[in-house]
Amino acid sequence: MTETYEERAARLERAREIVAHEWRQFQEVQGEGGRASCQDNPAEFEVQRLGQFMTWPMALLDSYAADLADADAAGRNLLTEKYARMMESTEPERYARELEPHLPGLDDERVAAQERIIAVQVAWARAFHHDYPRLGAAMRVLTTGQDTLESTSFETYLRGELGTYSDATLALYGDLVNALAGAGQNLTWRTVAYTAILAGHANIEAAEASQPPIPPGG
């Protein structure tokens, strides 16, 4: 079914509300080295997160908005939890000692559901890097095996984010991934296309052309 102008406007409004809510939680994230520079750049945060949320249907946006509100009511911070979960790969000993005991547990069925989604999205991201190498070069490295203390991969970031979703939100997100896969579409492409337009480019091809050339052998 084609989305009406009113439906699209309502989705955009809800997505902006979510970005604003995430930004408030993001301001409370405490990094080991103090406040990160990205915590003082609301415009960049909005472009990156809105690009993602504009690919979501309204039911998924509503569910995640409820997750954020429920987290506030329970004294939790989903942004803090996301970055903490990412450290399972980048700093596993510290994660096990200091962070994991304070995070909501995820059972085997939940982890398996997340990993099925992650496998599809890593494949999409890899295809995007191949088709748009200049934009890909400016993005995160792809896989958890490439993580370092200074660089967290797309796979690890996604795993951390999915781990903060409620079961209801994860199920709806999985439905989105399955629907796009069934239609032969790529969620990475859709997200970056929205992000490119929000950043002021005419389209994703213009964004690719605006990036510096890949050095030989790069």
Protein backbone atom coordinates (compact mmCIF):
# COMPACT_ATOMS: atom_id res chain seq x y z
CA MET A 1 0.00 0.00 0.00
CA THR A 2 1.33 3.44 -0.95
CA GLU A 3 1.97 5.73 2.00
CA THR A 4 -0.05 8.95 1.97
CA TYR A 5 1.48 12.36 2.59
CA GLU A 6 -0.25 12.52 5.97
CA GLU A 7 1.08 9.09 6.99
CA ARG A 8 4.61 10.01 5.95
CA ALA A 9 4.39 13.30 7.86
CA ALA A 10 3.19 11.45 10.96
CA ARG A 11 6.08 8.99 10.68
CA LEU A 12 8.56 11.84 10.35
CA GLU A 13 7.11 13.55 13.41
CA ARG A 14 7.32 10.37 15.46
CA ALA A 15 10.88 9.71 14.25
CA ARG A 16 11.93 13.22 15.29
CA GLU A 17 10.37 12.68 18.72
CA ILE A 18 12.41 9.49 19.11
CA VAL A 19 15.63 11.21 18.05
CA ALA A 20 15.00 13.97 20.60
CA HIS A 21 14.36 11.36 23.30
CA GLU A 22 17.52 9.46 22.40
CA TRP A 23 19.48 12.71 22.44
CA ARG A 24 18.34 13.37 26.02
CA GLN A 25 19.48 9.91 27.05
CA PHE A 26 22.72 10.29 25.08
CA GLN A 27 23.60 13.37 27.12
CA GLU A 28 23.73 11.13 30.21
CA VAL A 29 26.13 8.56 28.73
CA GLN A 30 29.38 8.62 30.71
CA GLY A 31 32.45 7.51 28.76
CA GLU A 32 35.60 6.36 30.47
CA GLY A 33 37.52 9.29 29.01
CA GLY A 34 34.81 11.82 29.78
CA ARG A 35 32.32 13.43 27.47
CA ALA A 36 32.67 12.49 23.79
CA SER A 37 32.74 15.18 21.09
CA CYS A 38 29.69 13.64 19.38
CA GLN A 39 27.67 14.43 22.52
CA ASP A 40 28.03 18.12 21.61
CA ASN A 41 26.86 17.74 18.00
CA PRO A 42 23.05 17.45 17.98
CA ALA A 43 22.77 18.21 14.26
CA GLU A 44 24.98 15.26 13.26
CA PHE A 45 23.20 13.02 15.75
CA GLU A 46 19.83 13.96 14.27
CA VAL A 47 20.95 13.29 10.69
CA GLN A 48 22.39 9.88 11.52
CA ARG A 49 19.55 8.65 13.72
CA LEU A 50 16.73 10.14 11.64
CA GLY A 51 18.17 8.47 8.56
CA GLN A 52 17.71 5.15 10.33
CA PHE A 53 14.30 5.76 11.82
CA MET A 54 12.78 7.02 8.57
CA THR A 55 13.15 3.47 7.21
CA TRP A 56 10.87 2.15 9.96
CA PRO A 57 7.09 1.66 9.77
CA MET A 58 4.90 3.46 12.28
CA ALA A 59 4.23 0.39 14.43
CA LEU A 60 7.96 -0.12 14.95
CA LEU A 61 8.51 3.56 15.74
CA ASP A 62 5.68 3.46 18.29
CA SER A 63 7.10 0.34 19.92
CA TYR A 64 10.60 1.79 20.27
CA ALA A 65 9.19 5.09 21.55
CA ALA A 66 7.49 3.04 24.26
CA ASP A 67 10.80 1.30 25.03
CA LEU A 68 12.46 4.67 25.64
CA ALA A 69 9.61 5.85 27.85
CA ASP A 70 9.61 2.59 29.81
CA ALA A 71 13.36 2.89 30.29
CA ASP A 72 12.96 6.38 31.73
CA ALA A 73 10.27 5.14 34.13
CA ALA A 74 12.53 2.29 35.27
CA GLY A 75 15.61 4.47 35.71
CA ARG A 76 17.36 2.87 32.74
CA ASN A 77 19.20 4.53 29.85
CA LEU A 78 19.04 2.59 26.58
CA LEU A 79 21.90 4.57 25.03
CA THR A 80 24.16 3.76 27.98
CA GLU A 81 23.15 0.11 27.73
CA LYS A 82 23.85 0.04 23.99
CA TYR A 83 27.42 1.26 24.40
CA ALA A 84 27.95 -1.04 27.37
CA ARG A 85 26.83 -4.07 25.36
CA MET A 86 29.24 -3.15 22.57
CA MET A 87 32.10 -3.54 25.02
CA GLU A 88 31.47 -7.28 25.20
CA SER A 89 33.61 -7.37 22.04
CA THR A 90 35.96 -4.43 22.51
CA GLU A 91 36.76 -4.92 26.22
CA PRO A 92 35.47 -8.39 27.15
CA GLU A 93 37.14 -8.69 30.56
CA ARG A 94 35.91 -5.31 31.73
CA TYR A 95 32.49 -6.03 30.28
CA ALA A 96 32.17 -9.30 32.22
CA ARG A 97 33.45 -7.74 35.43
CA GLU A 98 31.85 -4.30 35.51
CA LEU A 99 29.01 -4.05 33.00
CA GLU A 100 27.25 -7.34 32.29
CA PRO A 101 25.99 -7.78 35.89
CA HIS A 102 24.05 -4.50 35.55
CA LEU A 103 22.43 -5.19 32.16
CA PRO A 104 19.12 -6.99 31.53
CA GLY A 105 19.81 -10.61 30.64
CA LEU A 106 19.10 -12.00 27.18
CA ASP A 107 18.12 -15.67 26.91
CA ASP A 108 19.34 -18.03 24.18
CA GLU A 109 16.19 -17.65 22.08
CA ARG A 110 16.47 -13.87 22.16
CA VAL A 111 20.17 -13.94 21.24
CA ALA A 112 19.47 -16.32 18.36
CA ALA A 113 16.75 -14.01 17.02
CA GLN A 114 19.16 -11.08 17.13
CA GLU A 115 21.92 -13.04 15.39
CA ARG A 116 19.62 -14.00 12.51
CA ILE A 117 18.89 -10.30 11.95
CA ILE A 118 22.56 -9.37 12.29
CA ALA A 119 23.64 -11.91 9.67
CA VAL A 120 21.24 -10.42 7.12
CA GLN A 121 22.27 -6.85 7.90
CA VAL A 122 26.00 -7.54 7.75
CA ALA A 123 25.49 -9.05 4.29
CA TRP A 124 23.54 -5.96 3.26
CA ALA A 125 26.26 -3.68 4.60
CA ARG A 126 28.94 -5.66 2.78
CA ALA A 127 27.03 -5.34 -0.49
CA PHE A 128 26.63 -1.60 0.11
CA HIS A 129 30.39 -1.18 0.70
CA HIS A 130 31.00 -2.94 -2.62
CA ASP A 131 28.52 -0.82 -4.58
CA TYR A 132 29.37 2.52 -2.90
CA PRO A 133 33.04 2.19 -1.94
CA ARG A 134 33.60 5.87 -1.15
CA LEU A 135 30.68 6.05 1.27
CA GLY A 136 31.63 2.63 2.61
CA ALA A 137 35.15 3.82 3.36
CA ALA A 138 33.71 6.56 5.58
CA MET A 139 31.54 4.10 7.52
CA ARG A 140 32.34 1.70 10.32
CA VAL A 141 34.34 -1.45 9.61
CA LEU A 142 31.96 -4.33 9.02
CA THR A 143 32.52 -7.23 11.37
CA THR A 144 33.13 -7.91 15.04
CA GLY A 145 36.43 -9.57 14.15
CA GLN A 146 37.68 -6.13 13.05
CA ASP A 147 36.90 -4.43 16.40
CA THR A 148 39.60 -2.53 18.25
CA LEU A 149 39.50 -0.27 21.29
CA GLU A 150 39.39 2.69 18.91
CA SER A 151 37.07 1.29 16.23
CA THR A 152 33.79 -0.55 16.77
CA SER A 153 32.31 -2.40 13.82
CA PHE A 154 28.86 -2.16 12.27
CA GLU A 155 28.15 -5.71 13.47
CA THR A 156 29.05 -4.97 17.09
CA TYR A 157 27.19 -1.66 17.09
CA LEU A 158 24.07 -3.36 15.71
CA ARG A 159 24.33 -6.17 18.25
CA GLY A 160 24.53 -3.61 21.05
CA GLU A 161 21.53 -1.70 19.75
CA LEU A 162 19.33 -4.72 19.17
CA GLY A 163 20.11 -5.84 22.70
CA THR A 164 18.35 -2.76 24.08
CA TYR A 165 15.07 -3.38 22.25
CA SER A 166 12.08 -4.91 24.02
CA ASP A 167 10.94 -8.30 22.73
CA ALA A 168 8.02 -6.58 21.00
CA THR A 169 10.28 -4.06 19.26
CA LEU A 170 12.77 -6.72 18.19
CA ALA A 171 9.95 -8.80 16.70
CA LEU A 172 8.70 -5.83 14.68
CA TYR A 173 12.24 -5.00 13.61
CA GLY A 174 12.71 -8.59 12.49
CA ASP A 175 9.50 -8.31 10.48
CA LEU A 176 10.94 -5.25 8.72
CA VAL A 177 14.20 -7.04 7.91
CA ASN A 178 12.34 -10.11 6.63
CA ALA A 179 10.01 -8.00 4.49
CA LEU A 180 12.88 -6.10 2.89
CA ALA A 181 14.87 -9.29 2.31
CA GLY A 182 11.83 -10.89 0.68
CA ALA A 183 11.47 -7.87 -1.60
CA GLY A 184 15.15 -7.91 -2.55
CA GLN A 185 15.79 -4.57 -0.85
CA ASN A 186 18.76 -3.49 1.25
CA LEU A 187 18.20 -1.70 4.56
CA THR A 188 21.70 -0.23 4.57
CA TRP A 189 21.01 1.39 1.19
CA ARG A 190 17.68 2.76 2.40
CA THR A 191 19.21 4.16 5.59
CA VAL A 192 22.14 5.82 3.84
CA ALA A 193 19.86 7.19 1.13
CA TYR A 194 17.74 8.96 3.75
CA THR A 195 20.86 10.10 5.59
CA ALA A 196 22.40 11.52 2.42
CA ILE A 197 19.31 13.61 1.69
CA LEU A 198 19.12 14.82 5.29
CA ALA A 199 22.78 15.84 5.00
CA GLY A 200 21.98 18.02 1.99
CA HIS A 201 22.81 15.77 -0.97
CA ALA A 202 20.42 15.38 -3.89
CA ASN A 203 20.58 11.59 -3.63
CA ILE A 204 22.86 8.74 -2.64
CA GLU A 205 24.82 8.92 -5.89
CA ALA A 206 25.63 12.59 -5.21
CA ALA A 207 26.75 11.66 -1.71
CA GLU A 208 29.03 8.96 -3.14
CA ALA A 209 30.55 11.40 -5.63
CA SER A 210 31.20 13.93 -2.87
CA GLN A 211 33.51 11.56 -0.99
CA PRO A 212 37.27 11.46 -1.64
CA PRO A 213 38.48 8.84 -4.10
CA ILE A 214 39.67 5.50 -2.74
CA PRO A 215 43.49 5.38 -2.80
CA PRO A 216 45.00 2.65 -5.02
CA GLY A 217 45.10 -0.55 -3.04
CA GLY A 218 42.69 0.90 -0.46
